[in-house]
N, C-alpha and C. Protein backbone atom coordinates (compact mmCIF):
# COMPACT_ATOMS: atom_id res chain seq x y z
N SER A 1 196.24 101.61 191.56
CA SER A 1 196.86 101.59 190.26
C SER A 1 196.92 103.00 189.73
N THR A 2 198.05 103.33 189.27
CA THR A 2 198.26 104.66 188.73
C THR A 2 198.25 104.57 187.21
N THR A 3 197.58 105.55 186.62
CA THR A 3 197.54 105.59 185.17
C THR A 3 198.46 106.67 184.69
N HIS A 4 199.16 106.36 183.72
CA HIS A 4 200.07 107.33 183.13
C HIS A 4 199.41 107.88 181.89
N SER A 5 199.31 109.18 181.80
CA SER A 5 198.73 109.77 180.59
C SER A 5 199.88 110.22 179.71
N THR A 6 199.71 109.88 178.48
CA THR A 6 200.73 110.29 177.53
C THR A 6 200.24 111.53 176.82
N PRO A 7 201.09 112.44 176.54
CA PRO A 7 200.65 113.64 175.84
C PRO A 7 200.22 113.30 174.42
N ILE A 8 199.12 113.98 173.97
CA ILE A 8 198.60 113.77 172.61
C ILE A 8 199.48 114.55 171.66
N SER A 9 199.93 113.85 170.66
CA SER A 9 200.80 114.53 169.71
C SER A 9 199.94 115.16 168.61
N PHE A 10 200.34 116.31 168.13
CA PHE A 10 199.61 117.03 167.10
C PHE A 10 200.31 116.93 165.75
N THR A 11 201.16 115.97 165.66
CA THR A 11 201.82 115.77 164.38
C THR A 11 200.88 114.99 163.48
N PRO A 12 200.89 115.30 162.20
CA PRO A 12 199.99 114.59 161.29
C PRO A 12 200.30 113.10 161.29
N SER A 13 199.29 112.36 161.58
CA SER A 13 199.43 110.91 161.54
C SER A 13 198.50 110.39 160.45
N PRO A 14 198.63 109.15 160.12
CA PRO A 14 197.73 108.60 159.08
C PRO A 14 196.25 108.74 159.46
N ASP A 15 195.95 108.63 160.75
CA ASP A 15 194.56 108.74 161.19
C ASP A 15 194.02 110.15 160.94
N THR A 16 194.78 111.18 161.26
CA THR A 16 194.29 112.55 161.07
C THR A 16 194.24 112.92 159.61
N SER A 17 195.14 112.40 158.80
CA SER A 17 195.09 112.71 157.37
C SER A 17 193.85 112.07 156.74
N ILE A 18 193.48 110.88 157.18
CA ILE A 18 192.25 110.24 156.69
C ILE A 18 191.04 111.06 157.13
N LEU A 19 191.08 111.53 158.37
CA LEU A 19 189.98 112.35 158.88
C LEU A 19 189.83 113.62 158.06
N LEU A 20 190.94 114.25 157.71
CA LEU A 20 190.88 115.46 156.88
C LEU A 20 190.32 115.14 155.49
N LEU A 21 190.71 114.02 154.93
CA LEU A 21 190.19 113.62 153.62
C LEU A 21 188.68 113.38 153.68
N VAL A 22 188.25 112.67 154.69
CA VAL A 22 186.82 112.37 154.83
C VAL A 22 186.03 113.65 155.07
N THR A 23 186.56 114.53 155.89
CA THR A 23 185.88 115.79 156.18
C THR A 23 185.78 116.66 154.92
N SER A 24 186.84 116.75 154.17
CA SER A 24 186.80 117.56 152.95
C SER A 24 185.86 116.92 151.92
N GLN A 25 185.83 115.60 151.85
CA GLN A 25 184.91 114.93 150.93
C GLN A 25 183.47 115.18 151.37
N GLN A 26 183.23 115.15 152.67
CA GLN A 26 181.90 115.42 153.20
C GLN A 26 181.47 116.85 152.86
N ASP A 27 182.37 117.79 152.96
CA ASP A 27 182.06 119.18 152.61
C ASP A 27 181.74 119.31 151.12
N ARG A 28 182.51 118.63 150.29
CA ARG A 28 182.23 118.66 148.85
C ARG A 28 180.86 118.07 148.55
N PHE A 29 180.53 116.97 149.20
CA PHE A 29 179.22 116.35 148.99
C PHE A 29 178.09 117.27 149.46
N ARG A 30 178.29 117.95 150.56
CA ARG A 30 177.27 118.90 151.05
C ARG A 30 177.06 120.02 150.03
N GLN A 31 178.16 120.55 149.52
CA GLN A 31 178.06 121.62 148.52
C GLN A 31 177.37 121.10 147.26
N TRP A 32 177.75 119.91 146.82
CA TRP A 32 177.16 119.31 145.64
C TRP A 32 175.67 119.06 145.86
N ASN A 33 175.31 118.59 147.06
CA ASN A 33 173.91 118.35 147.40
C ASN A 33 173.12 119.65 147.37
N THR A 34 173.70 120.72 147.89
CA THR A 34 173.04 122.02 147.88
C THR A 34 172.82 122.49 146.44
N GLU A 35 173.83 122.32 145.61
CA GLU A 35 173.70 122.71 144.20
C GLU A 35 172.61 121.90 143.51
N LEU A 36 172.57 120.59 143.79
CA LEU A 36 171.56 119.73 143.19
C LEU A 36 170.15 120.11 143.67
N GLU A 37 170.02 120.45 144.94
CA GLU A 37 168.72 120.86 145.46
C GLU A 37 168.25 122.16 144.81
N GLU A 38 169.18 123.09 144.59
CA GLU A 38 168.82 124.34 143.90
C GLU A 38 168.39 124.05 142.47
N GLU A 39 169.12 123.17 141.80
CA GLU A 39 168.78 122.80 140.43
C GLU A 39 167.42 122.10 140.38
N LEU A 40 167.16 121.23 141.35
CA LEU A 40 165.88 120.54 141.43
C LEU A 40 164.74 121.54 141.63
N HIS A 41 164.96 122.52 142.49
CA HIS A 41 163.95 123.55 142.72
C HIS A 41 163.67 124.33 141.42
N LYS A 42 164.71 124.65 140.68
CA LYS A 42 164.53 125.34 139.40
C LYS A 42 163.73 124.49 138.43
N HIS A 43 164.04 123.19 138.40
CA HIS A 43 163.32 122.30 137.49
C HIS A 43 161.84 122.18 137.89
N HIS A 44 161.57 122.09 139.19
CA HIS A 44 160.18 122.04 139.65
C HIS A 44 159.44 123.31 139.25
N HIS A 45 160.10 124.44 139.39
CA HIS A 45 159.49 125.71 139.00
C HIS A 45 159.20 125.74 137.50
N THR A 46 160.16 125.28 136.70
CA THR A 46 159.98 125.23 135.25
C THR A 46 158.83 124.29 134.88
N ILE A 47 158.78 123.14 135.52
CA ILE A 47 157.70 122.18 135.25
C ILE A 47 156.35 122.79 135.61
N SER A 48 156.29 123.47 136.73
CA SER A 48 155.04 124.13 137.14
C SER A 48 154.60 125.16 136.11
N GLU A 49 155.55 125.96 135.63
CA GLU A 49 155.23 126.96 134.61
C GLU A 49 154.75 126.29 133.32
N LEU A 50 155.40 125.20 132.95
CA LEU A 50 155.02 124.49 131.72
C LEU A 50 153.63 123.86 131.85
N HIS A 51 153.30 123.32 133.03
CA HIS A 51 151.97 122.77 133.24
C HIS A 51 150.92 123.87 133.10
N THR A 52 151.21 125.04 133.65
CA THR A 52 150.28 126.16 133.54
C THR A 52 150.12 126.56 132.09
N GLU A 53 151.21 126.61 131.36
CA GLU A 53 151.15 126.98 129.94
C GLU A 53 150.38 125.94 129.13
N VAL A 54 150.58 124.66 129.43
CA VAL A 54 149.86 123.60 128.72
C VAL A 54 148.36 123.73 128.97
N LYS A 55 147.97 123.96 130.23
CA LYS A 55 146.55 124.12 130.53
C LYS A 55 145.97 125.32 129.80
N SER A 56 146.72 126.40 129.74
CA SER A 56 146.26 127.59 129.03
C SER A 56 146.11 127.31 127.54
N LEU A 57 147.09 126.62 126.96
CA LEU A 57 147.02 126.29 125.53
C LEU A 57 145.87 125.33 125.24
N GLN A 58 145.63 124.38 126.13
CA GLN A 58 144.50 123.48 125.93
C GLN A 58 143.18 124.23 125.99
N SER A 59 143.09 125.17 126.90
CA SER A 59 141.88 126.00 126.99
C SER A 59 141.70 126.82 125.72
N ASP A 60 142.79 127.39 125.23
CA ASP A 60 142.73 128.16 123.98
C ASP A 60 142.32 127.27 122.81
N ASN A 61 142.88 126.06 122.76
CA ASN A 61 142.53 125.14 121.69
C ASN A 61 141.05 124.78 121.73
N LEU A 62 140.52 124.57 122.92
CA LEU A 62 139.11 124.25 123.06
C LEU A 62 138.24 125.42 122.59
N LYS A 63 138.65 126.63 122.94
CA LYS A 63 137.91 127.81 122.49
C LYS A 63 137.96 127.93 120.97
N LEU A 64 139.13 127.67 120.40
CA LEU A 64 139.27 127.71 118.94
C LEU A 64 138.42 126.63 118.29
N TYR A 65 138.39 125.44 118.90
CA TYR A 65 137.57 124.38 118.34
C TYR A 65 136.09 124.79 118.35
N LYS A 66 135.64 125.43 119.43
CA LYS A 66 134.26 125.88 119.49
C LYS A 66 133.96 126.83 118.34
N LYS A 67 134.91 127.71 118.04
CA LYS A 67 134.72 128.63 116.92
C LYS A 67 134.70 127.88 115.59
N VAL A 68 135.61 126.92 115.42
CA VAL A 68 135.64 126.12 114.20
C VAL A 68 134.34 125.34 114.05
N HIS A 69 133.87 124.76 115.14
CA HIS A 69 132.62 124.00 115.12
C HIS A 69 131.45 124.90 114.71
N TYR A 70 131.41 126.09 115.26
CA TYR A 70 130.36 127.04 114.90
C TYR A 70 130.43 127.38 113.42
N MET A 71 131.64 127.67 112.93
CA MET A 71 131.79 128.03 111.52
C MET A 71 131.42 126.86 110.61
N GLN A 72 131.79 125.64 110.99
CA GLN A 72 131.43 124.48 110.18
C GLN A 72 129.92 124.27 110.16
N SER A 73 129.29 124.43 111.31
CA SER A 73 127.83 124.25 111.34
C SER A 73 127.15 125.37 110.55
N TYR A 74 127.69 126.57 110.60
CA TYR A 74 127.13 127.68 109.82
C TYR A 74 127.29 127.40 108.32
N ARG A 75 128.46 126.91 107.92
CA ARG A 75 128.73 126.60 106.52
C ARG A 75 127.80 125.48 106.05
N GLU A 76 127.61 124.45 106.92
CA GLU A 76 126.73 123.35 106.55
C GLU A 76 125.29 123.85 106.38
N GLN A 77 124.84 124.73 107.25
CA GLN A 77 123.47 125.26 107.14
C GLN A 77 123.33 126.10 105.88
N SER A 78 124.32 126.91 105.57
CA SER A 78 124.21 127.75 104.38
C SER A 78 124.34 126.92 103.11
N SER A 79 125.14 125.83 103.14
CA SER A 79 125.29 125.00 101.94
C SER A 79 124.03 124.17 101.70
N ILE A 80 123.34 123.79 102.76
CA ILE A 80 122.09 123.05 102.59
C ILE A 80 121.05 123.95 101.94
N SER A 81 121.02 125.20 102.36
CA SER A 81 120.04 126.11 101.77
C SER A 81 120.38 126.43 100.32
N GLN A 82 121.63 126.37 99.94
CA GLN A 82 122.04 126.68 98.57
C GLN A 82 122.26 125.42 97.74
N LEU A 83 122.05 124.25 98.34
CA LEU A 83 122.26 122.96 97.67
C LEU A 83 123.69 122.83 97.14
N ASP A 84 124.62 123.37 97.86
CA ASP A 84 126.03 123.29 97.50
C ASP A 84 126.75 122.54 98.61
N PRO A 85 127.29 121.35 98.38
CA PRO A 85 127.93 120.59 99.46
C PRO A 85 129.20 121.28 99.94
N PRO A 86 129.46 121.19 101.25
CA PRO A 86 130.69 121.79 101.78
C PRO A 86 131.91 121.02 101.31
N PRO A 87 133.05 121.69 101.21
CA PRO A 87 134.27 120.98 100.81
C PRO A 87 134.66 119.97 101.86
N PRO A 88 135.26 118.85 101.44
CA PRO A 88 135.66 117.84 102.42
C PRO A 88 136.69 118.42 103.39
N SER A 89 136.53 118.05 104.65
CA SER A 89 137.42 118.59 105.68
C SER A 89 138.53 117.61 105.97
N SER A 90 139.75 118.00 105.64
CA SER A 90 140.90 117.14 105.93
C SER A 90 141.37 117.32 107.36
N SER A 91 140.90 118.36 108.02
CA SER A 91 141.35 118.63 109.39
C SER A 91 140.48 117.92 110.42
N SER A 92 139.47 117.16 109.99
CA SER A 92 138.58 116.51 110.95
C SER A 92 139.33 115.50 111.81
N ASP A 93 140.33 114.82 111.25
CA ASP A 93 141.11 113.88 112.05
C ASP A 93 141.89 114.60 113.14
N LYS A 94 142.43 115.75 112.80
CA LYS A 94 143.22 116.53 113.76
C LYS A 94 142.34 117.11 114.85
N LEU A 95 141.07 117.34 114.55
CA LEU A 95 140.18 117.98 115.50
C LEU A 95 139.43 116.98 116.36
N GLY A 96 139.62 115.69 116.14
CA GLY A 96 138.88 114.67 116.88
C GLY A 96 139.04 114.77 118.38
N LYS A 97 140.24 115.01 118.84
CA LYS A 97 140.52 115.13 120.28
C LYS A 97 139.75 116.30 120.86
N TRP A 98 139.75 117.41 120.13
CA TRP A 98 139.08 118.60 120.64
C TRP A 98 137.57 118.48 120.52
N CYS A 99 137.12 117.70 119.54
CA CYS A 99 135.68 117.44 119.40
C CYS A 99 135.18 116.70 120.64
N THR A 100 135.94 115.71 121.07
CA THR A 100 135.57 114.94 122.25
C THR A 100 135.52 115.84 123.48
N ARG A 101 136.51 116.67 123.66
CA ARG A 101 136.53 117.58 124.81
C ARG A 101 135.38 118.59 124.74
N TYR A 102 135.11 119.05 123.55
CA TYR A 102 134.01 120.01 123.36
C TYR A 102 132.69 119.35 123.74
N GLU A 103 132.47 118.14 123.27
CA GLU A 103 131.23 117.44 123.58
C GLU A 103 131.11 117.15 125.06
N GLU A 104 132.24 116.88 125.72
CA GLU A 104 132.22 116.66 127.17
C GLU A 104 131.78 117.92 127.91
N THR A 105 132.22 119.07 127.44
CA THR A 105 131.82 120.32 128.11
C THR A 105 130.38 120.68 127.80
N MET A 106 129.89 120.22 126.65
CA MET A 106 128.52 120.55 126.28
C MET A 106 127.50 119.70 127.04
N ASN A 107 127.88 118.51 127.45
CA ASN A 107 126.96 117.62 128.13
C ASN A 107 127.16 117.75 129.64
N LEU A 108 126.71 118.84 130.19
CA LEU A 108 126.95 119.14 131.60
C LEU A 108 126.15 118.23 132.53
N PHE A 109 124.95 117.81 132.11
CA PHE A 109 124.13 116.98 132.99
C PHE A 109 124.78 115.62 133.22
N GLU A 110 125.33 115.02 132.17
CA GLU A 110 126.00 113.74 132.34
C GLU A 110 127.28 113.89 133.17
N ALA A 111 127.98 114.96 132.96
CA ALA A 111 129.20 115.20 133.75
C ALA A 111 128.84 115.37 135.23
N PHE A 112 127.77 116.11 135.50
CA PHE A 112 127.33 116.30 136.89
C PHE A 112 126.91 114.97 137.49
N HIS A 113 126.15 114.19 136.74
CA HIS A 113 125.69 112.88 137.22
C HIS A 113 126.89 111.98 137.53
N GLY A 114 127.88 111.96 136.64
CA GLY A 114 129.08 111.15 136.86
C GLY A 114 129.85 111.57 138.11
N ARG A 115 129.99 112.89 138.30
CA ARG A 115 130.70 113.38 139.49
C ARG A 115 129.94 113.03 140.76
N GLU A 116 128.62 113.17 140.73
CA GLU A 116 127.82 112.85 141.92
C GLU A 116 127.85 111.36 142.23
N ALA A 117 127.80 110.53 141.20
CA ALA A 117 127.87 109.09 141.42
C ALA A 117 129.22 108.70 142.01
N MET A 118 130.30 109.30 141.51
CA MET A 118 131.64 109.01 142.03
C MET A 118 131.76 109.51 143.47
N ARG A 119 131.21 110.67 143.76
CA ARG A 119 131.26 111.22 145.12
C ARG A 119 130.51 110.29 146.08
N ALA A 120 129.34 109.80 145.67
CA ALA A 120 128.56 108.90 146.52
C ALA A 120 129.30 107.58 146.72
N TYR A 121 129.92 107.07 145.66
CA TYR A 121 130.68 105.82 145.76
C TYR A 121 131.86 105.98 146.71
N GLU A 122 132.58 107.11 146.60
CA GLU A 122 133.74 107.33 147.46
C GLU A 122 133.34 107.54 148.91
N ALA A 123 132.09 107.97 149.15
CA ALA A 123 131.62 108.18 150.52
C ALA A 123 131.30 106.86 151.22
N LEU A 124 131.15 105.78 150.47
CA LEU A 124 130.85 104.48 151.05
C LEU A 124 132.09 103.92 151.75
N ASN A 125 131.85 103.04 152.73
CA ASN A 125 132.99 102.39 153.37
C ASN A 125 133.51 101.29 152.44
N PRO A 126 134.70 100.79 152.67
CA PRO A 126 135.31 99.81 151.75
C PRO A 126 134.48 98.55 151.55
N VAL A 127 133.76 98.10 152.59
CA VAL A 127 132.95 96.90 152.46
C VAL A 127 131.81 97.15 151.48
N GLU A 128 131.15 98.31 151.62
CA GLU A 128 130.05 98.65 150.71
C GLU A 128 130.57 98.82 149.28
N GLN A 129 131.74 99.43 149.15
CA GLN A 129 132.34 99.60 147.81
C GLN A 129 132.63 98.23 147.19
N GLY A 130 133.12 97.30 148.01
CA GLY A 130 133.41 95.96 147.51
C GLY A 130 132.13 95.24 147.10
N ALA A 131 131.04 95.46 147.83
CA ALA A 131 129.77 94.81 147.50
C ALA A 131 129.23 95.34 146.17
N ILE A 132 129.43 96.63 145.92
CA ILE A 132 128.94 97.22 144.68
C ILE A 132 129.84 96.83 143.52
N GLY A 133 131.11 96.76 143.76
CA GLY A 133 132.08 96.44 142.71
C GLY A 133 132.83 97.67 142.29
N ASN A 134 133.86 97.48 141.53
CA ASN A 134 134.67 98.60 141.04
C ASN A 134 133.96 99.34 139.95
N TRP A 135 134.10 100.62 139.96
CA TRP A 135 133.52 101.46 138.91
C TRP A 135 134.51 101.67 137.87
């Protein structure tokens, strides 16, 4: 049996025009994907910078609270000696969050005990953890 080969025509046919459309759409999507990845990278960098700034501001706030706490305790001690009550503090509600954090940093032994207990619990195998119960 003899096979006859027909010459391939290079005239634009509906099949090649669809191929060109799909190829150009694929190129546009690749470019768009690249742009989106660059934008995502920028956003991740911005988020990282903001997290660093938040941690720094929280540290500064805690340091400021320590100073405020010292000044309040000094004022209370001096007012007791002079029998003059300190003025009511309207900022105590605003400082509650920082008071808690300050007290957490001041109680180092309990923090150490908690970390050691958690470390020991995590070192147990799952069966032992299940026998003890969830912490």
